Protein backbone atom coordinates (compact mmCIF):
# COMPACT_ATOMS: atom_id res chain seq x y z
CA MET A 1 103.91 89.51 87.39
CA SER A 2 105.24 88.81 90.83
CA LEU A 3 103.84 90.53 93.84
CA ASP A 4 107.14 92.49 94.25
CA GLU A 5 106.79 93.63 90.61
CA LYS A 6 103.14 94.58 91.17
CA GLN A 7 104.09 96.58 94.25
CA GLN A 8 106.81 98.41 92.36
CA SER A 9 104.44 99.25 89.55
CA LEU A 10 101.87 100.49 92.07
CA ILE A 11 104.54 102.68 93.74
CA ASP A 12 105.76 104.00 90.42
CA ASP A 13 102.22 104.83 89.29
CA LEU A 14 101.51 106.75 92.52
CA ASN A 15 104.84 108.52 92.55
CA ILE A 16 104.01 110.09 89.15
CA ILE A 17 101.98 112.48 91.32
CA GLN A 18 104.76 114.85 92.58
CA ASP A 19 102.96 116.60 95.50
CA LEU A 20 102.81 114.22 98.50
CA HIS A 21 99.38 115.43 99.64
CA GLU A 22 97.89 115.17 96.22
CA ARG A 23 99.32 111.59 95.98
CA LEU A 24 97.54 110.75 99.30
CA ASN A 25 94.32 112.59 98.09
CA ALA A 26 94.43 110.29 94.91
CA VAL A 27 94.59 107.13 97.13
CA VAL A 28 91.78 108.37 99.26
CA SER A 29 89.68 109.19 96.19
CA SER A 30 90.26 105.84 94.79
CA GLY A 31 88.66 104.30 97.95
CA ARG A 32 85.19 105.41 96.72
CA ALA A 33 85.36 102.68 94.04
CA MET A 34 85.47 99.76 96.30
CA LYS A 35 82.23 98.42 97.77
CA LEU A 36 82.07 95.64 100.33
CA ASP A 37 78.83 93.61 100.20
CA GLU A 38 76.78 94.39 103.42
CA ALA A 39 76.71 90.63 104.07
CA HIS A 40 80.46 90.75 104.70
CA LYS A 41 80.29 93.68 107.15
CA THR A 42 80.33 91.37 110.15
CA GLU A 43 82.00 91.34 113.42
CA ALA A 44 84.20 88.50 112.19
CA ASN A 45 85.46 90.70 109.29
CA LEU A 46 86.25 93.74 111.51
CA VAL A 47 89.98 94.46 111.69
CA PRO A 48 91.06 94.86 115.31
CA GLY A 49 93.35 97.69 116.21
CA CYS A 50 91.87 100.28 113.92
CA LEU A 51 90.31 103.41 115.35
CA SER A 52 87.62 103.66 112.76
CA ARG A 53 85.78 100.45 111.78
CA VAL A 54 87.42 98.56 108.91
CA TRP A 55 86.02 95.47 107.38
CA LEU A 56 88.12 93.10 105.36
CA HIS A 57 86.84 90.04 103.38
CA GLY A 58 89.21 87.67 101.85
CA GLU A 59 88.70 84.57 99.67
CA LEU A 60 90.70 82.23 97.56
CA VAL A 61 89.61 82.03 93.90
CA GLU A 62 91.29 79.50 91.68
CA GLY A 63 94.41 79.62 93.97
CA ARG A 64 94.64 83.36 93.98
CA THR A 65 93.75 85.79 96.74
CA ARG A 66 90.95 88.25 96.48
CA PHE A 67 90.53 90.93 99.19
CA VAL A 68 87.66 93.43 99.43
CA CYS A 69 87.47 96.07 102.26
CA ASP A 70 85.39 98.98 103.53
CA ALA A 71 85.89 101.52 106.25
CA GLU A 72 83.90 104.30 107.97
CA SER A 73 86.71 106.88 107.27
CA PRO A 74 87.25 107.77 103.57
CA MET A 75 91.09 108.06 104.27
CA VAL A 76 91.24 104.69 105.90
CA LYS A 77 89.11 103.20 103.19
CA GLY A 78 91.53 104.47 100.41
CA LEU A 79 94.58 103.28 102.26
CA ALA A 80 93.01 99.85 103.01
CA LEU A 81 91.96 99.56 99.33
CA LEU A 82 95.59 100.13 98.38
CA LEU A 83 96.52 97.00 100.44
CA CYS A 84 93.56 95.06 99.00
CA GLU A 85 94.72 95.98 95.45
CA LEU A 86 98.31 94.94 96.14
CA TYR A 87 97.54 91.59 97.52
CA THR A 88 94.53 90.67 95.38
CA GLY A 89 95.50 88.11 92.64
CA ALA A 90 98.56 86.89 94.40
CA GLU A 91 99.22 83.30 95.61
CA PRO A 92 98.71 83.06 99.40
CA ALA A 93 102.38 82.21 100.01
CA GLU A 94 103.48 85.45 98.32
CA VAL A 95 100.97 87.36 100.37
CA VAL A 96 102.49 86.00 103.47
CA ALA A 97 106.02 86.68 102.32
CA VAL A 98 105.93 90.09 100.80
CA GLU A 99 105.59 93.10 103.08
CA PRO A 100 104.14 96.41 101.86
CA ARG A 101 106.74 99.12 100.99
CA VAL A 102 104.20 101.51 99.50
CA TRP A 103 103.79 103.61 102.62
CA GLU A 104 107.48 104.58 102.88
CA ALA A 105 108.16 104.43 99.09
CA CYS A 106 105.32 106.89 98.45
CA GLY A 107 106.25 109.17 101.35
CA PHE A 108 102.98 108.42 103.20
CA GLY A 109 104.92 107.43 106.37
CA LYS A 110 105.84 111.16 106.66
CA ILE A 111 102.33 112.46 106.90
CA LEU A 112 100.19 109.60 108.41
CA SER A 113 99.78 109.66 112.11
CA PRO A 114 101.38 106.86 114.11
CA THR A 115 97.80 105.75 114.96
CA ARG A 116 96.90 105.38 111.27
CA LEU A 117 100.21 103.60 110.42
CA ASN A 118 99.43 101.19 113.42
CA GLY A 119 95.95 100.60 111.91
CA LEU A 120 97.52 99.73 108.55
CA ALA A 121 99.86 97.35 110.32
CA HIS A 122 96.83 95.67 111.80
CA MET A 123 95.24 95.50 108.35
CA ARG A 124 98.46 93.80 107.02
CA GLN A 125 98.33 91.32 109.83
CA ARG A 126 94.87 90.41 109.05
CA ILE A 127 95.64 89.93 105.31
CA ARG A 128 98.69 87.71 106.26
CA ALA A 129 96.51 85.67 108.60
CA LEU A 130 93.87 85.06 105.89
CA ALA A 131 96.52 84.06 103.45
CA ASP A 132 98.02 81.67 106.14
CA HIS A 133 94.50 80.25 106.53
CA PHE A 134 94.23 79.77 102.65
CA ILE A 135 97.52 77.90 102.65
CA THR A 136 96.59 75.52 105.54
CA SER A 137 93.06 74.96 104.26
CA THR A 138 94.28 73.92 100.84
CA HIS A 139 96.91 71.48 102.18
CA ARG A 140 94.54 69.38 104.21
């Protein structure tokens, strides 16, 4: 399954929930499932530009990306988890190329504050930078 197809499937699954606020609540609730190992909660893994602290750890496993995150805010953690789920399992080049459409496609852009959307943009930048690093480190 391509990353575009995975994203569309994720959007379709979320949009089954008709009420926008309930949909967002489901995303926030799903954040409880992800646990980032305390060893990865380092300054180096902090995502800059987020109001609450967000940690993102990325690695390359058998040519595929794996992203794990944590955040102090339950809402931020759920939204960050959505990005981690989207990009985990993809090839680094796809991670770099495919932008998240989930915020607008699920209506979250209407109810998230500009500050929160900015934080998600920083999270995306960090994921892209890690994928770029994976590409350059494997082509040495």
